[in-house]
Amino acid sequence: MGDKQDWLNFEHLTANKQKDEVKPPSMYKVILNNDDYTPMEFVIDVLQKFFSYDIERATQLMLQVHYRGKAICGVYTAEVAETKVAHVNEYAKENEHPLLCTLEKA
């Protein structure tokens, strides 16, 4: 038998293998945009129903939408953000309001 047992040396299997880098998922801001027609109460309802805000925080965000033109409702992964945007826009349309929810990369 030989002096070395190369068949037991596994270093060559891992030496050339690059470490896979795990990157955090891209995050997206979900934004409510102001319009001149959607009632403030409906905006509060949306913030409570789809973003789980209490009445005080929902009111603060509604006022931000009203006075600043938009407000960030939350920051989520792409799939969650897209789903929230779709649900809010569908809900607004069903209730005949022009409220627009959008997303942008965080």
N, C-alpha and C. Protein backbone atom coordinates (compact mmCIF):
# COMPACT_ATOMS: atom_id res chain seq x y z
N MET A 1 0.83 -1.17 0.00
CA MET A 1 0.00 0.00 0.00
C MET A 1 0.87 1.23 0.00
N GLY A 2 0.32 2.34 -0.51
CA GLY A 2 1.07 3.59 -0.60
C GLY A 2 1.14 4.30 0.73
N ASP A 3 2.02 5.30 0.76
CA ASP A 3 2.18 6.08 1.99
C ASP A 3 0.97 6.97 2.25
N LYS A 4 0.36 7.46 1.19
CA LYS A 4 -0.78 8.37 1.34
C LYS A 4 -2.04 7.69 0.84
N GLN A 5 -3.08 7.99 1.47
CA GLN A 5 -4.37 7.48 1.02
C GLN A 5 -5.15 8.65 0.42
N ASP A 6 -4.84 8.96 -0.85
CA ASP A 6 -5.45 10.10 -1.52
C ASP A 6 -6.97 9.98 -1.61
N TRP A 7 -7.45 8.80 -1.64
CA TRP A 7 -8.89 8.64 -1.77
C TRP A 7 -9.63 9.14 -0.53
N LEU A 8 -8.92 9.35 0.59
CA LEU A 8 -9.55 9.90 1.79
C LEU A 8 -9.44 11.43 1.86
N ASN A 9 -8.72 12.03 0.93
CA ASN A 9 -8.52 13.48 0.93
C ASN A 9 -9.66 14.16 0.17
N PHE A 10 -10.49 14.85 0.92
CA PHE A 10 -11.65 15.50 0.31
C PHE A 10 -11.43 17.00 0.08
N GLU A 11 -10.23 17.50 0.36
CA GLU A 11 -9.96 18.93 0.21
C GLU A 11 -10.19 19.42 -1.21
N HIS A 12 -9.89 18.59 -2.19
CA HIS A 12 -10.06 19.02 -3.58
C HIS A 12 -11.53 19.26 -3.93
N LEU A 13 -12.42 18.66 -3.19
CA LEU A 13 -13.85 18.86 -3.47
C LEU A 13 -14.33 20.23 -3.00
N THR A 14 -13.75 20.74 -1.93
CA THR A 14 -14.22 22.01 -1.39
C THR A 14 -13.30 23.18 -1.72
N ALA A 15 -12.11 22.91 -2.15
CA ALA A 15 -11.14 23.99 -2.41
C ALA A 15 -11.60 24.92 -3.53
N ASN A 16 -12.18 24.39 -4.58
CA ASN A 16 -12.58 25.20 -5.72
C ASN A 16 -14.03 25.69 -5.64
N LYS A 17 -14.74 25.20 -4.69
CA LYS A 17 -16.15 25.56 -4.59
C LYS A 17 -16.28 26.95 -3.96
N GLN A 18 -16.96 27.83 -4.65
CA GLN A 18 -17.17 29.18 -4.12
C GLN A 18 -18.30 29.14 -3.11
N LYS A 19 -18.16 29.97 -2.13
CA LYS A 19 -19.22 30.04 -1.14
C LYS A 19 -20.41 30.77 -1.76
N ASP A 20 -21.57 30.18 -1.58
CA ASP A 20 -22.79 30.82 -2.05
C ASP A 20 -23.15 31.94 -1.08
N GLU A 21 -23.30 33.13 -1.63
CA GLU A 21 -23.69 34.26 -0.79
C GLU A 21 -25.20 34.35 -0.75
N VAL A 22 -25.72 34.42 0.44
CA VAL A 22 -27.15 34.57 0.62
C VAL A 22 -27.42 36.06 0.80
N LYS A 23 -28.16 36.61 -0.14
CA LYS A 23 -28.49 38.03 -0.09
C LYS A 23 -29.89 38.18 0.50
N PRO A 24 -30.09 39.23 1.27
CA PRO A 24 -31.45 39.47 1.76
C PRO A 24 -32.35 39.82 0.58
N PRO A 25 -33.64 39.53 0.69
CA PRO A 25 -34.55 39.84 -0.42
C PRO A 25 -34.67 41.34 -0.62
N SER A 26 -34.96 41.74 -1.84
CA SER A 26 -35.22 43.15 -2.14
C SER A 26 -36.49 43.57 -1.41
N MET A 27 -36.46 44.78 -0.89
CA MET A 27 -37.60 45.29 -0.14
C MET A 27 -38.27 46.41 -0.93
N TYR A 28 -39.58 46.52 -0.75
CA TYR A 28 -40.37 47.51 -1.48
C TYR A 28 -41.28 48.27 -0.53
N LYS A 29 -41.39 49.59 -0.77
CA LYS A 29 -42.29 50.44 -0.01
C LYS A 29 -43.67 50.39 -0.66
N VAL A 30 -44.69 50.19 0.16
CA VAL A 30 -46.07 50.26 -0.31
C VAL A 30 -46.57 51.66 0.05
N ILE A 31 -47.05 52.37 -0.96
CA ILE A 31 -47.38 53.79 -0.82
C ILE A 31 -48.84 54.04 -1.19
N LEU A 32 -49.52 54.82 -0.35
CA LEU A 32 -50.86 55.31 -0.68
C LEU A 32 -50.71 56.73 -1.22
N ASN A 33 -51.36 56.99 -2.34
CA ASN A 33 -51.27 58.29 -3.01
C ASN A 33 -52.57 59.07 -2.85
N ASN A 34 -52.44 60.36 -2.66
CA ASN A 34 -53.60 61.22 -2.46
C ASN A 34 -54.39 61.42 -3.75
N ASP A 35 -55.67 61.62 -3.59
CA ASP A 35 -56.53 62.07 -4.69
C ASP A 35 -57.57 63.00 -4.07
N ASP A 36 -58.34 63.65 -4.90
CA ASP A 36 -59.30 64.64 -4.41
C ASP A 36 -60.68 64.07 -4.12
N TYR A 37 -60.86 62.76 -4.24
CA TYR A 37 -62.20 62.20 -4.17
C TYR A 37 -62.40 61.14 -3.09
N THR A 38 -61.37 60.38 -2.75
CA THR A 38 -61.53 59.30 -1.78
C THR A 38 -61.73 59.89 -0.38
N PRO A 39 -62.80 59.48 0.30
CA PRO A 39 -63.05 60.00 1.66
C PRO A 39 -61.95 59.57 2.64
N MET A 40 -61.68 60.45 3.58
CA MET A 40 -60.66 60.16 4.59
C MET A 40 -60.99 58.89 5.37
N GLU A 41 -62.26 58.68 5.65
CA GLU A 41 -62.68 57.50 6.40
C GLU A 41 -62.34 56.22 5.65
N PHE A 42 -62.45 56.25 4.34
CA PHE A 42 -62.12 55.07 3.54
C PHE A 42 -60.62 54.79 3.60
N VAL A 43 -59.80 55.83 3.57
CA VAL A 43 -58.35 55.65 3.66
C VAL A 43 -57.99 55.04 5.01
N ILE A 44 -58.63 55.51 6.07
CA ILE A 44 -58.40 54.93 7.40
C ILE A 44 -58.80 53.46 7.42
N ASP A 45 -59.94 53.15 6.82
CA ASP A 45 -60.40 51.76 6.73
C ASP A 45 -59.37 50.89 6.02
N VAL A 46 -58.83 51.37 4.91
CA VAL A 46 -57.81 50.62 4.15
C VAL A 46 -56.59 50.37 5.02
N LEU A 47 -56.13 51.40 5.71
CA LEU A 47 -54.94 51.26 6.55
C LEU A 47 -55.15 50.27 7.69
N GLN A 48 -56.34 50.22 8.23
CA GLN A 48 -56.64 49.26 9.29
C GLN A 48 -56.81 47.85 8.72
N LYS A 49 -57.53 47.75 7.64
CA LYS A 49 -57.87 46.44 7.08
C LYS A 49 -56.67 45.74 6.45
N PHE A 50 -55.86 46.45 5.69
CA PHE A 50 -54.78 45.81 4.93
C PHE A 50 -53.40 45.93 5.56
N PHE A 51 -53.25 46.88 6.50
CA PHE A 51 -51.94 47.09 7.11
C PHE A 51 -51.96 46.94 8.63
N SER A 52 -53.12 46.61 9.18
CA SER A 52 -53.29 46.30 10.61
C SER A 52 -52.89 47.45 11.54
N TYR A 53 -53.12 48.68 11.10
CA TYR A 53 -52.84 49.82 11.97
C TYR A 53 -54.03 50.08 12.88
N ASP A 54 -53.74 50.55 14.10
CA ASP A 54 -54.83 50.95 14.98
C ASP A 54 -55.37 52.30 14.49
N ILE A 55 -56.47 52.73 15.06
CA ILE A 55 -57.15 53.93 14.57
C ILE A 55 -56.26 55.17 14.64
N GLU A 56 -55.45 55.28 15.69
CA GLU A 56 -54.59 56.45 15.84
C GLU A 56 -53.53 56.51 14.74
N ARG A 57 -52.84 55.40 14.52
CA ARG A 57 -51.78 55.38 13.50
C ARG A 57 -52.39 55.50 12.10
N ALA A 58 -53.52 54.86 11.88
CA ALA A 58 -54.19 54.95 10.58
C ALA A 58 -54.58 56.40 10.29
N THR A 59 -55.05 57.11 11.30
CA THR A 59 -55.42 58.51 11.13
C THR A 59 -54.20 59.37 10.82
N GLN A 60 -53.09 59.12 11.52
CA GLN A 60 -51.85 59.86 11.24
C GLN A 60 -51.41 59.66 9.79
N LEU A 61 -51.43 58.41 9.33
CA LEU A 61 -51.01 58.13 7.96
C LEU A 61 -51.98 58.73 6.95
N MET A 62 -53.28 58.68 7.24
CA MET A 62 -54.26 59.28 6.34
C MET A 62 -53.99 60.78 6.20
N LEU A 63 -53.67 61.45 7.30
CA LEU A 63 -53.37 62.88 7.24
C LEU A 63 -52.09 63.14 6.46
N GLN A 64 -51.13 62.25 6.57
CA GLN A 64 -49.91 62.39 5.78
C GLN A 64 -50.22 62.26 4.29
N VAL A 65 -51.07 61.30 3.93
CA VAL A 65 -51.50 61.16 2.54
C VAL A 65 -52.19 62.45 2.08
N HIS A 66 -53.06 62.96 2.92
CA HIS A 66 -53.85 64.14 2.57
C HIS A 66 -52.98 65.39 2.39
N TYR A 67 -52.08 65.63 3.32
CA TYR A 67 -51.30 66.88 3.30
C TYR A 67 -50.00 66.80 2.51
N ARG A 68 -49.39 65.64 2.47
CA ARG A 68 -48.10 65.51 1.76
C ARG A 68 -48.23 64.83 0.41
N GLY A 69 -49.41 64.30 0.12
CA GLY A 69 -49.63 63.69 -1.19
C GLY A 69 -49.43 62.19 -1.23
N LYS A 70 -48.74 61.66 -0.23
CA LYS A 70 -48.55 60.21 -0.17
C LYS A 70 -48.00 59.83 1.20
N ALA A 71 -48.09 58.54 1.50
CA ALA A 71 -47.53 58.02 2.75
C ALA A 71 -47.09 56.58 2.52
N ILE A 72 -46.01 56.22 3.18
CA ILE A 72 -45.53 54.84 3.13
C ILE A 72 -46.31 54.04 4.16
N CYS A 73 -46.99 53.00 3.70
CA CYS A 73 -47.79 52.16 4.58
C CYS A 73 -46.97 51.05 5.21
N GLY A 74 -45.87 50.69 4.58
CA GLY A 74 -45.01 49.63 5.10
C GLY A 74 -43.97 49.26 4.07
N VAL A 75 -42.99 48.48 4.51
CA VAL A 75 -41.91 48.01 3.65
C VAL A 75 -41.92 46.49 3.72
N TYR A 76 -42.00 45.85 2.55
CA TYR A 76 -42.19 44.40 2.49
C TYR A 76 -41.34 43.80 1.38
N THR A 77 -41.25 42.48 1.39
CA THR A 77 -40.62 41.78 0.27
C THR A 77 -41.49 41.99 -0.97
N ALA A 78 -40.94 41.72 -2.13
CA ALA A 78 -41.64 41.99 -3.39
C ALA A 78 -43.01 41.33 -3.45
N GLU A 79 -43.08 40.05 -3.13
CA GLU A 79 -44.35 39.34 -3.25
C GLU A 79 -45.41 39.89 -2.31
N VAL A 80 -45.02 40.18 -1.08
CA VAL A 80 -45.97 40.72 -0.11
C VAL A 80 -46.41 42.12 -0.54
N ALA A 81 -45.47 42.95 -0.97
CA ALA A 81 -45.80 44.31 -1.42
C ALA A 81 -46.75 44.28 -2.61
N GLU A 82 -46.45 43.44 -3.60
CA GLU A 82 -47.31 43.34 -4.78
C GLU A 82 -48.71 42.89 -4.40
N THR A 83 -48.81 41.96 -3.48
CA THR A 83 -50.11 41.46 -3.05
C THR A 83 -50.90 42.55 -2.33
N LYS A 84 -50.25 43.28 -1.44
CA LYS A 84 -50.94 44.36 -0.73
C LYS A 84 -51.42 45.44 -1.70
N VAL A 85 -50.57 45.83 -2.64
CA VAL A 85 -50.95 46.84 -3.64
C VAL A 85 -52.17 46.36 -4.43
N ALA A 86 -52.13 45.12 -4.88
CA ALA A 86 -53.25 44.57 -5.67
C ALA A 86 -54.54 44.54 -4.84
N HIS A 87 -54.46 44.11 -3.59
CA HIS A 87 -55.65 44.03 -2.74
C HIS A 87 -56.23 45.41 -2.46
N VAL A 88 -55.37 46.37 -2.15
CA VAL A 88 -55.86 47.73 -1.86
C VAL A 88 -56.51 48.34 -3.10
N ASN A 89 -55.86 48.22 -4.25
CA ASN A 89 -56.41 48.80 -5.48
C ASN A 89 -57.72 48.13 -5.87
N GLU A 90 -57.81 46.82 -5.68
CA GLU A 90 -59.05 46.10 -5.98
C GLU A 90 -60.17 46.55 -5.03
N TYR A 91 -59.84 46.67 -3.76
CA TYR A 91 -60.82 47.11 -2.75
C TYR A 91 -61.32 48.52 -3.06
N ALA A 92 -60.41 49.41 -3.43
CA ALA A 92 -60.80 50.78 -3.78
C ALA A 92 -61.71 50.79 -5.00
N LYS A 93 -61.37 49.99 -5.99
CA LYS A 93 -62.18 49.92 -7.21
C LYS A 93 -63.57 49.36 -6.91
N GLU A 94 -63.63 48.30 -6.09
CA GLU A 94 -64.92 47.71 -5.71
C GLU A 94 -65.81 48.72 -5.01
N ASN A 95 -65.19 49.63 -4.27
CA ASN A 95 -65.94 50.65 -3.54
C ASN A 95 -66.03 51.97 -4.29
N GLU A 96 -65.65 51.94 -5.56
CA GLU A 96 -65.77 53.07 -6.48
C GLU A 96 -65.02 54.31 -6.00
N HIS A 97 -63.79 54.07 -5.50
CA HIS A 97 -62.91 55.16 -5.10
C HIS A 97 -61.66 55.11 -5.96
N PRO A 98 -61.11 56.28 -6.31
CA PRO A 98 -59.91 56.30 -7.16
C PRO A 98 -58.60 56.16 -6.38
N LEU A 99 -58.67 55.79 -5.11
CA LEU A 99 -57.47 55.64 -4.29
C LEU A 99 -56.46 54.74 -5.00
N LEU A 100 -55.22 55.19 -5.06
CA LEU A 100 -54.18 54.44 -5.75
C LEU A 100 -53.08 54.04 -4.78
N CYS A 101 -52.78 52.77 -4.77
CA CYS A 101 -51.70 52.23 -3.97
C CYS A 101 -50.61 51.78 -4.94
N THR A 102 -49.36 52.15 -4.66
CA THR A 102 -48.24 51.82 -5.54
C THR A 102 -47.11 51.25 -4.70
N LEU A 103 -46.07 50.78 -5.39
CA LEU A 103 -44.88 50.33 -4.68
C LEU A 103 -43.65 50.88 -5.37
N GLU A 104 -42.60 51.03 -4.59
CA GLU A 104 -41.31 51.44 -5.14
C GLU A 104 -40.22 50.77 -4.31
N LYS A 105 -39.10 50.55 -4.95
CA LYS A 105 -37.99 49.87 -4.29
C LYS A 105 -37.51 50.70 -3.10
N ALA A 106 -37.30 50.01 -1.99
CA ALA A 106 -36.85 50.69 -0.76
C ALA A 106 -35.37 51.01 -0.83
